[in-house]
Amino acid sequence: MSVTNSQDSQTVDQSQAEEDYPLTAVPLYARKSFLSMAFMLLGFTLYSGTFFAGGLVGPAFRFFPDLVGLLVVGNLILGGYAAALAYIASKTGLSTVLMARFSFGSVGSRWVDFLLGFTQVGWYAWGSGLIADLLNQLAGVPESWNWLIILFFTYFFCITAYIGYRAMDWYSRIAVPAIIILMLWSLTISANQIGGFEGLQAVQPSGELGIGAALTIIVGTFISGGTQATNWSRFSDSPRTATLSTLAAFFIANGFVVFGGAFSALVYQNSDMVMVMARQGLLVAGFILLFLNMWSTQDNTIYAFSIAFSHMFRTKKRTFFVLIGATIALALAWGGIYESSQFINFLILLGTFIPPVGGVVMADYWLYRRGQFPSLDEPQPAFNWAGIAAYVIAAAIAYFTGKAGIGIAPVNGIIIAAVLYPILTKVIPQPTGTTALK
């Protein structure tokens, strides 16, 4: 029996509906249109933190065709990966952490919960620190107030996530058009400042970064988000809606933000578009941009954490974990995560260790189960050793090939995991199910 069919009735526990179905498939009557999905996912990917990835990559390459080509390829990889998972989510109504129960086992999937949830709460904490830092630099707010700024925004931005999909949907419909307009305004001024295309071509690369490392950074900035975009694409009214809206968000919108950071770094030697807008005399507009895009991503980020940890602890109380996640992020932000010198390494590690999860999940759905997951009520083994082994091997290969500059670490991880999993399911005996999700 397919998951979708088993859940396609209005007898779904009302408490699951009120909590956005953290432990069940989203029923067909609760699905959303392309417009709703597009705004939601665009809001998720239009994130200030992604500017910094563009700033890391931009100065190391000639603008065209080198930099532009890297941005297209990197975001196409990211968009294609996220869209493939989105397709499965729409067909089944499941989030990635629920899919992982089949490919990693009922207990083994808790590693996926932790990996995806922790990275999201880390981004949430980093975002709170970013806001405090920009207020220090641009508004002259004393650093002694940072603890209060971080406290306020950490809990303020989780309001829409606490309410759930409907609140995040309507906020994104307001924020996304405004964010795009403000970014285009700033980029137009930047282009005029440097002398258009000819001026950009005249800028000589000033950094040293290999193509593989650059693509890993581009993909790594949002690979965790792409792996968890299923939290929203599972609400899509059709696989077409899920695929196109996710591709638009992760290829076009995320690419636009990375491009904005790279462009700003080339023109002003500063990838932070808010700082750039201040230099352009658009300080108020810069603050509006910061507020809108931080909120539109932060609420999605802490929402993703709540889905992952609801599954980890097998509880329907998603809203409880919104508050728990915000509190953990608060502690990390107060602890100085934004100022950490290891942030670049964090980006690269995200681009290395998370993609194999998606590779295993996709191989399990398409190659092993032939496009149909069993019912969530069907008992699963505690550990699916084929999935675990495929993940560990793929992650290790991605890490070492990335360090050696062989290929593109995220792509290596996805491909190796997807190839290994069906092979290992034939080699490693599959235990009978012992644990059903309650």
Protein backbone atom coordinates (compact mmCIF):
# COMPACT_ATOMS: atom_id res chain seq x y z
CA MET A 1 0.00 0.00 0.00
CA SER A 2 1.42 3.44 -0.84
CA VAL A 3 1.92 6.02 1.86
CA THR A 4 -0.16 8.58 0.02
CA ASN A 5 -3.14 6.28 -0.37
CA SER A 6 -3.02 5.14 3.23
CA GLN A 7 -3.14 8.75 4.39
CA ASP A 8 -5.55 10.16 1.84
CA SER A 9 -8.53 10.68 4.03
CA GLN A 10 -9.79 13.30 6.43
CA THR A 11 -9.47 10.88 9.31
CA VAL A 12 -5.87 11.98 9.85
CA ASP A 13 -5.36 12.83 13.51
CA GLN A 14 -6.38 16.50 13.93
CA SER A 15 -3.42 17.12 16.20
CA GLN A 16 -1.13 16.11 13.33
CA ALA A 17 -2.82 18.66 11.06
CA GLU A 18 -2.47 21.42 13.66
CA GLU A 19 1.25 20.63 13.93
CA ASP A 20 1.77 20.41 10.11
CA TYR A 21 1.91 16.59 9.99
CA PRO A 22 5.36 15.98 11.54
CA LEU A 23 4.87 12.19 11.80
CA THR A 24 2.45 11.44 8.96
CA ALA A 25 2.15 11.99 5.23
CA VAL A 26 0.43 15.21 4.18
CA PRO A 27 -3.03 14.18 2.88
CA LEU A 28 -4.15 15.30 -0.56
CA TYR A 29 -6.82 17.63 0.78
CA ALA A 30 -4.12 19.67 2.59
CA ARG A 31 -1.95 20.18 -0.50
CA LYS A 32 -0.97 23.63 -1.82
CA SER A 33 -0.76 25.31 -5.24
CA PHE A 34 2.31 26.22 -7.27
CA LEU A 35 2.00 29.87 -6.24
CA SER A 36 2.01 28.99 -2.56
CA MET A 37 4.95 26.60 -2.95
CA ALA A 38 6.98 29.02 -5.05
CA PHE A 39 6.68 31.89 -2.59
CA MET A 40 7.44 29.62 0.35
CA LEU A 41 10.58 28.13 -1.20
CA LEU A 42 11.78 31.42 -2.71
CA GLY A 43 11.55 32.98 0.73
CA PHE A 44 13.60 30.12 2.12
CA THR A 45 16.44 30.53 -0.40
CA LEU A 46 16.65 34.34 -0.46
CA TYR A 47 19.01 34.38 2.50
CA SER A 48 21.61 36.97 3.56
CA GLY A 49 24.04 34.27 4.65
CA THR A 50 24.33 33.08 1.05
CA PHE A 51 25.85 36.43 0.05
CA PHE A 52 28.99 35.37 1.87
CA ALA A 53 29.38 32.24 -0.26
CA GLY A 54 29.35 34.46 -3.33
CA GLY A 55 31.92 36.67 -1.67
CA LEU A 56 34.22 33.69 -1.14
CA VAL A 57 33.96 32.55 -4.75
CA GLY A 58 33.63 35.82 -6.69
CA PRO A 59 37.11 37.36 -6.25
CA ALA A 60 38.86 34.11 -7.27
CA PHE A 61 37.55 33.98 -10.84
CA ARG A 62 37.19 36.11 -13.94
CA PHE A 63 33.58 37.31 -14.18
CA PHE A 64 32.68 35.70 -17.54
CA PRO A 65 32.64 32.90 -18.38
CA ASP A 66 34.45 31.53 -15.32
CA LEU A 67 32.42 32.92 -12.41
CA VAL A 68 29.08 32.92 -14.21
CA GLY A 69 29.67 29.35 -15.36
CA LEU A 70 30.50 28.20 -11.84
CA LEU A 71 27.35 29.82 -10.46
CA VAL A 72 25.18 28.19 -13.11
CA VAL A 73 26.70 24.73 -12.65
CA GLY A 74 26.76 24.90 -8.83
CA ASN A 75 23.18 26.06 -8.48
CA LEU A 76 21.98 23.63 -11.15
CA ILE A 77 23.49 20.80 -9.08
CA LEU A 78 21.82 22.15 -5.97
CA GLY A 79 18.51 22.79 -7.72
CA GLY A 80 18.43 19.41 -9.43
CA TYR A 81 19.20 17.60 -6.19
CA ALA A 82 16.53 19.47 -4.22
CA ALA A 83 13.97 19.08 -7.03
CA ALA A 84 14.53 15.30 -7.18
CA LEU A 85 13.82 15.00 -3.47
CA ALA A 86 10.85 17.37 -3.85
CA TYR A 87 9.33 15.08 -6.48
CA ILE A 88 9.46 12.13 -4.07
CA ALA A 89 8.04 14.28 -1.26
CA SER A 90 5.06 15.28 -3.37
CA LYS A 91 4.39 11.70 -4.51
CA THR A 92 4.51 10.37 -0.95
CA GLY A 93 3.61 13.36 1.24
CA LEU A 94 6.70 12.68 3.36
CA SER A 95 9.54 14.83 4.67
CA THR A 96 13.14 13.68 4.28
CA VAL A 97 13.38 12.50 7.88
CA LEU A 98 10.31 10.29 7.41
CA MET A 99 11.74 8.91 4.14
CA ALA A 100 14.98 8.13 5.97
CA ARG A 101 13.14 5.61 8.18
CA PHE A 102 13.00 3.28 5.19
CA SER A 103 16.60 3.72 4.02
CA PHE A 104 18.36 4.06 7.41
CA GLY A 105 16.00 2.17 9.74
CA SER A 106 13.72 3.33 12.52
CA VAL A 107 16.62 3.95 14.92
CA GLY A 108 19.30 4.62 12.30
CA SER A 109 17.25 7.48 10.86
CA ARG A 110 17.81 9.40 14.07
CA TRP A 111 21.32 10.17 12.80
CA VAL A 112 19.67 11.91 9.84
CA ASP A 113 17.40 13.80 12.25
CA PHE A 114 20.42 15.03 14.20
CA LEU A 115 22.54 15.89 11.17
CA LEU A 116 19.84 17.88 9.40
CA GLY A 117 18.40 19.43 12.55
CA PHE A 118 21.72 20.52 14.02
CA THR A 119 22.90 22.19 10.82
CA GLN A 120 19.66 24.15 10.60
CA VAL A 121 19.85 25.35 14.17
CA GLY A 122 23.48 26.32 13.51
CA TRP A 123 22.39 28.49 10.57
CA TYR A 124 19.65 29.99 12.73
CA ALA A 125 22.18 30.97 15.39
CA TRP A 126 24.54 32.38 12.80
CA GLY A 127 21.73 34.52 11.38
CA SER A 128 20.99 36.05 14.78
CA GLY A 129 24.67 36.91 15.17
CA LEU A 130 24.74 38.46 11.70
CA ILE A 131 21.91 40.84 12.55
CA ALA A 132 23.66 42.00 15.73
CA ASP A 133 26.94 42.54 13.86
CA LEU A 134 25.30 44.61 11.12
CA LEU A 135 23.46 46.75 13.66
CA ASN A 136 26.81 47.40 15.36
CA GLN A 137 28.44 48.47 12.12
CA LEU A 138 25.65 50.36 10.40
CA ALA A 139 23.47 51.76 13.16
CA GLY A 140 26.14 52.31 15.79
CA VAL A 141 24.42 50.04 18.29
CA PRO A 142 26.88 49.29 21.13
CA GLU A 143 28.22 45.74 21.16
CA SER A 144 27.21 45.54 24.82
CA TRP A 145 23.61 45.37 23.54
CA ASN A 146 24.27 42.36 21.30
CA TRP A 147 22.98 39.86 23.82
CA LEU A 148 19.61 41.65 23.85
CA ILE A 149 19.47 42.01 20.03
CA ILE A 150 20.23 38.31 19.61
CA LEU A 151 17.67 37.38 22.25
CA PHE A 152 14.94 39.45 20.60
CA PHE A 153 15.47 38.32 17.00
CA THR A 154 16.05 34.68 17.93
CA TYR A 155 12.52 34.40 19.30
CA PHE A 156 10.87 36.99 17.05
CA PHE A 157 11.78 35.21 13.81
CA CYS A 158 10.33 31.92 15.00
CA ILE A 159 6.79 33.32 15.37
CA THR A 160 5.69 32.33 11.86
CA ALA A 161 7.42 28.94 12.17
CA TYR A 162 5.52 28.31 15.39
CA ILE A 163 2.19 29.03 13.69
CA GLY A 164 3.20 26.84 10.74
CA TYR A 165 2.87 26.65 6.98
CA ARG A 166 -0.04 29.07 6.61
CA ALA A 167 1.76 31.93 8.39
CA MET A 168 5.04 31.32 6.58
CA ASP A 169 3.18 31.21 3.26
CA TRP A 170 1.54 34.58 3.67
CA TYR A 171 4.67 36.23 5.00
CA SER A 172 6.66 34.97 1.99
CA ARG A 173 4.09 36.42 -0.43
CA ILE A 174 4.81 39.84 1.03
CA ALA A 175 8.54 39.53 1.57
CA VAL A 176 9.75 37.81 -1.62
CA PRO A 177 8.75 40.53 -4.14
CA ALA A 178 10.18 43.22 -1.87
CA ILE A 179 13.48 41.36 -1.43
CA ILE A 180 13.91 40.88 -5.19
CA ILE A 181 13.17 44.55 -5.92
CA LEU A 182 15.63 45.78 -3.29
CA MET A 183 18.39 43.46 -4.52
CA LEU A 184 17.88 44.49 -8.15
CA TRP A 185 18.00 48.15 -7.11
CA SER A 186 21.38 47.67 -5.42
CA LEU A 187 22.84 45.50 -8.20
CA THR A 188 21.86 48.08 -10.81
CA ILE A 189 23.77 50.76 -8.92
CA SER A 190 26.74 48.38 -8.56
CA ALA A 191 26.77 47.66 -12.29
CA ASN A 192 26.78 51.36 -13.12
CA GLN A 193 29.51 51.96 -10.52
CA ILE A 194 31.96 49.52 -12.11
CA GLY A 195 31.16 50.35 -15.71
CA GLY A 196 28.92 47.51 -16.74
CA PHE A 197 30.07 44.27 -18.32
CA GLU A 198 33.35 45.72 -19.58
CA GLY A 199 34.24 46.93 -16.11
CA LEU A 200 33.51 43.54 -14.57
CA GLN A 201 35.62 41.78 -17.18
CA ALA A 202 38.51 44.11 -16.39
CA VAL A 203 38.59 43.01 -12.73
CA GLN A 204 41.46 40.59 -12.23
CA PRO A 205 41.00 37.59 -9.89
CA SER A 206 42.49 38.35 -6.49
CA GLY A 207 41.82 35.09 -4.64
CA GLU A 208 42.94 31.50 -4.90
CA LEU A 209 40.24 28.87 -4.97
CA GLY A 210 40.00 25.65 -6.95
CA ILE A 211 36.97 24.90 -9.10
CA GLY A 212 36.01 21.89 -6.96
CA ALA A 213 36.24 23.89 -3.74
CA ALA A 214 34.27 26.74 -5.30
CA LEU A 215 31.47 24.42 -6.41
CA THR A 216 31.47 22.76 -3.00
CA ILE A 217 30.99 26.16 -1.35
CA ILE A 218 28.22 27.16 -3.77
CA VAL A 219 26.38 23.89 -3.25
CA GLY A 220 27.29 23.62 0.44
CA THR A 221 25.72 26.92 1.47
CA PHE A 222 22.24 25.51 1.03
CA ILE A 223 22.62 21.76 0.65
CA SER A 224 21.19 21.23 4.12
CA GLY A 225 18.21 23.37 3.18
CA GLY A 226 17.87 21.55 -0.14
CA THR A 227 17.83 18.20 1.64
CA GLN A 228 15.05 19.48 3.87
CA ALA A 229 13.04 21.37 1.25
CA THR A 230 10.77 18.33 1.40
CA ASN A 231 9.33 19.86 4.58
CA TRP A 232 7.41 22.17 2.21
CA SER A 233 7.36 20.30 -1.12
CA ARG A 234 5.43 17.49 0.60
CA PHE A 235 2.54 19.99 0.61
CA SER A 236 2.63 20.32 -3.22
CA ASP A 237 -0.56 19.49 -5.07
CA SER A 238 1.40 17.60 -7.76
CA PRO A 239 4.92 16.34 -8.49
CA ARG A 240 5.14 18.98 -11.25
CA THR A 241 4.40 21.73 -8.76
CA ALA A 242 7.00 20.37 -6.36
CA THR A 243 9.70 19.95 -8.98
CA LEU A 244 9.29 23.32 -10.72
CA SER A 245 8.87 25.40 -7.56
CA THR A 246 11.88 23.76 -5.91
CA LEU A 247 14.03 24.13 -9.01
CA ALA A 248 13.04 27.79 -9.28
CA ALA A 249 13.97 28.40 -5.67
CA PHE A 250 17.25 26.50 -5.49
CA PHE A 251 18.56 27.13 -9.00
CA ILE A 252 17.28 30.60 -9.80
CA ALA A 253 16.70 32.30 -6.43
CA ASN A 254 19.66 30.81 -4.57
CA GLY A 255 21.81 31.47 -7.62
CA PHE A 256 20.62 35.07 -7.64
CA VAL A 257 21.71 35.55 -4.03
CA VAL A 258 25.12 33.90 -4.57
CA PHE A 259 25.53 36.10 -7.65
CA GLY A 260 24.62 39.16 -5.58
CA GLY A 261 27.34 38.36 -3.06
CA ALA A 262 29.91 37.67 -5.77
CA PHE A 263 28.97 40.82 -7.69
CA SER A 264 29.20 43.00 -4.58
CA ALA A 265 32.58 41.49 -3.72
CA LEU A 266 33.91 42.30 -7.19
CA VAL A 267 32.66 45.90 -7.16
CA TYR A 268 33.03 46.89 -3.49
CA GLN A 269 35.24 44.12 -2.04
CA ASN A 270 32.36 43.38 0.32
CA SER A 271 29.93 40.52 -0.23
CA ASP A 272 27.35 41.72 2.30
CA MET A 273 24.70 43.45 0.23
CA VAL A 274 23.33 45.26 3.27
CA MET A 275 26.74 46.87 3.87
CA VAL A 276 26.98 47.62 0.17
CA MET A 277 23.58 49.31 0.15
CA ALA A 278 24.74 51.50 3.03
CA ARG A 279 27.71 52.61 0.91
CA GLN A 280 25.30 53.31 -1.94
CA GLY A 281 23.25 55.64 0.26
CA LEU A 282 20.48 53.09 0.70
CA LEU A 283 20.89 52.44 4.41
CA VAL A 284 17.17 52.27 5.24
CA ALA A 285 16.51 50.03 2.23
CA GLY A 286 19.42 47.85 3.34
CA PHE A 287 17.91 47.39 6.78
CA ILE A 288 14.56 46.52 5.21
CA LEU A 289 16.29 43.95 2.99
CA LEU A 290 18.10 42.47 5.98
CA PHE A 291 14.93 42.21 8.06
CA LEU A 292 12.79 40.72 5.29
CA ASN A 293 15.20 38.10 4.00
CA MET A 294 16.42 37.06 7.42
CA TRP A 295 12.87 36.50 8.63
CA SER A 296 11.84 34.63 5.47
CA THR A 297 14.73 32.19 5.89
CA GLN A 298 15.05 32.02 9.65
CA ASP A 299 11.47 30.85 10.12
CA ASN A 300 11.97 28.12 7.50
CA THR A 301 15.23 27.11 9.15
CA ILE A 302 13.82 26.67 12.64
CA TYR A 303 10.74 24.99 11.15
CA ALA A 304 13.07 22.42 9.53
CA PHE A 305 14.74 21.83 12.89
CA SER A 306 11.37 21.24 14.52
CA ILE A 307 10.38 18.64 11.90
CA ALA A 308 13.68 16.80 12.27
CA PHE A 309 13.61 16.70 16.06
CA SER A 310 9.91 15.84 16.23
CA HIS A 311 10.84 12.74 14.28
CA MET A 312 13.92 12.08 16.41
CA PHE A 313 11.79 12.00 19.57
CA ARG A 314 8.69 10.58 17.85
CA THR A 315 6.41 13.33 19.08
CA LYS A 316 3.71 15.34 17.32
CA LYS A 317 4.65 18.48 19.27
CA ARG A 318 6.45 20.28 16.47
CA THR A 319 5.77 23.69 17.97
CA PHE A 320 7.55 22.64 21.16
CA PHE A 321 10.71 21.99 19.15
CA VAL A 322 10.46 25.38 17.46
CA LEU A 323 11.00 26.90 20.89
CA ILE A 324 13.64 24.32 21.86
CA GLY A 325 15.54 24.97 18.63
CA ALA A 326 15.40 28.73 19.13
CA THR A 327 16.77 28.31 22.64
CA ILE A 328 19.65 26.13 21.43
CA ALA A 329 20.37 28.70 18.71
CA LEU A 330 20.35 31.45 21.31
CA ALA A 331 23.02 29.64 23.31
CA LEU A 332 25.13 29.12 20.16
CA ALA A 333 24.76 32.75 19.12
CA TRP A 334 25.69 34.01 22.58
CA GLY A 335 28.63 31.61 22.42
CA GLY A 336 29.99 33.44 19.35
CA ILE A 337 29.21 31.13 16.41
CA TYR A 338 29.05 34.13 14.06
CA GLU A 339 32.62 35.13 14.91
CA SER A 340 34.01 31.62 14.44
CA SER A 341 37.00 31.46 12.09
CA GLN A 342 35.90 27.95 11.09
CA PHE A 343 32.75 29.06 9.27
CA ILE A 344 34.22 28.43 5.81
CA ASN A 345 35.16 24.91 6.87
CA PHE A 346 31.62 24.49 8.18
CA LEU A 347 30.24 25.36 4.71
CA ILE A 348 32.54 22.86 3.03
CA LEU A 349 31.64 20.11 5.50
CA LEU A 350 27.94 20.75 4.91
CA GLY A 351 28.57 20.28 1.21
CA THR A 352 30.34 17.00 1.92
CA PHE A 353 28.40 15.08 4.56
CA ILE A 354 24.77 15.98 3.87
CA PRO A 355 24.31 15.12 0.15
CA PRO A 356 24.89 11.36 0.64
CA VAL A 357 21.73 11.32 2.76
CA GLY A 358 19.72 12.42 -0.25
CA GLY A 359 21.58 9.98 -2.47
CA VAL A 360 20.59 7.06 -0.23
CA VAL A 361 16.96 8.23 0.07
CA MET A 362 16.57 8.66 -3.69
CA ALA A 363 18.17 5.30 -4.45
CA ASP A 364 15.92 3.63 -1.89
CA TYR A 365 12.78 5.12 -3.45
CA TRP A 366 13.57 4.74 -7.15
CA LEU A 367 15.99 1.81 -7.42
CA TYR A 368 15.15 -0.43 -4.47
CA ARG A 369 11.44 0.16 -3.87
CA ARG A 370 10.58 1.01 -7.50
CA GLY A 371 8.86 4.30 -6.74
CA GLN A 372 6.63 3.34 -3.81
CA PHE A 373 7.37 3.48 -0.11
CA PRO A 374 5.51 1.13 2.25
CA SER A 375 3.03 2.49 4.76
CA LEU A 376 4.44 4.33 7.75
CA ASP A 377 2.51 1.86 9.91
CA GLU A 378 4.49 -1.03 8.50
CA PRO A 379 7.21 -2.06 10.99
CA GLN A 380 10.76 -1.21 9.93
CA PRO A 381 14.08 -2.68 11.16
CA ALA A 382 15.93 -0.64 13.77
CA PHE A 383 18.88 -0.28 11.39
CA ASN A 384 19.01 -0.57 7.63
CA TRP A 385 22.70 -1.43 7.41
CA ALA A 386 22.77 -1.11 3.63
CA GLY A 387 21.71 2.52 3.88
CA ILE A 388 24.02 3.27 6.78
CA ALA A 389 27.02 1.66 5.07
CA ALA A 390 26.28 3.42 1.77
CA TYR A 391 26.08 6.75 3.58
CA VAL A 392 29.30 6.28 5.57
CA ILE A 393 31.32 5.14 2.56
CA ALA A 394 29.92 7.88 0.29
CA ALA A 395 30.53 10.60 2.88
CA ALA A 396 34.12 9.40 3.41
CA ILE A 397 34.80 9.30 -0.33
CA ALA A 398 33.26 12.76 -0.78
CA TYR A 399 35.43 14.13 2.02
CA PHE A 400 38.73 12.71 0.80
CA THR A 401 38.10 13.42 -2.88
CA GLY A 402 37.15 16.95 -1.91
CA LYS A 403 40.42 17.42 -0.02
CA ALA A 404 42.34 15.97 -2.96
CA GLY A 405 40.54 18.23 -5.43
CA ILE A 406 39.06 15.29 -7.33
CA GLY A 407 35.68 16.10 -8.79
CA ILE A 408 33.00 17.98 -6.84
CA ALA A 409 32.61 16.70 -3.28
CA PRO A 410 28.78 17.03 -3.04
CA VAL A 411 28.25 15.34 -6.39
CA ASN A 412 30.71 12.59 -5.50
CA GLY A 413 28.76 11.88 -2.31
CA ILE A 414 25.36 11.78 -4.00
CA ILE A 415 26.48 9.51 -6.84
CA ILE A 416 28.46 7.10 -4.67
CA ALA A 417 25.59 6.76 -2.17
CA ALA A 418 23.03 6.20 -4.93
CA VAL A 419 25.20 3.57 -6.63
CA LEU A 420 26.22 1.74 -3.46
CA TYR A 421 22.81 1.48 -1.82
CA PRO A 422 21.07 -0.92 -4.26
CA ILE A 423 24.25 -3.02 -4.44
CA LEU A 424 24.50 -3.26 -0.65
CA THR A 425 20.82 -4.20 -0.31
CA LYS A 426 21.68 -7.36 -2.27
CA VAL A 427 24.83 -8.06 -0.26
CA ILE A 428 23.62 -7.23 3.24
CA PRO A 429 20.57 -9.27 4.38
CA GLN A 430 17.61 -7.00 5.03
CA PRO A 431 16.17 -7.68 8.51
CA THR A 432 12.44 -7.89 8.95
CA GLY A 433 10.69 -4.88 10.39
CA THR A 434 10.61 -4.59 14.16
CA THR A 435 9.64 -1.02 14.91
CA ALA A 436 6.70 0.93 13.61
CA LEU A 437 6.41 4.70 13.92
CA LYS A 438 3.97 5.68 16.60
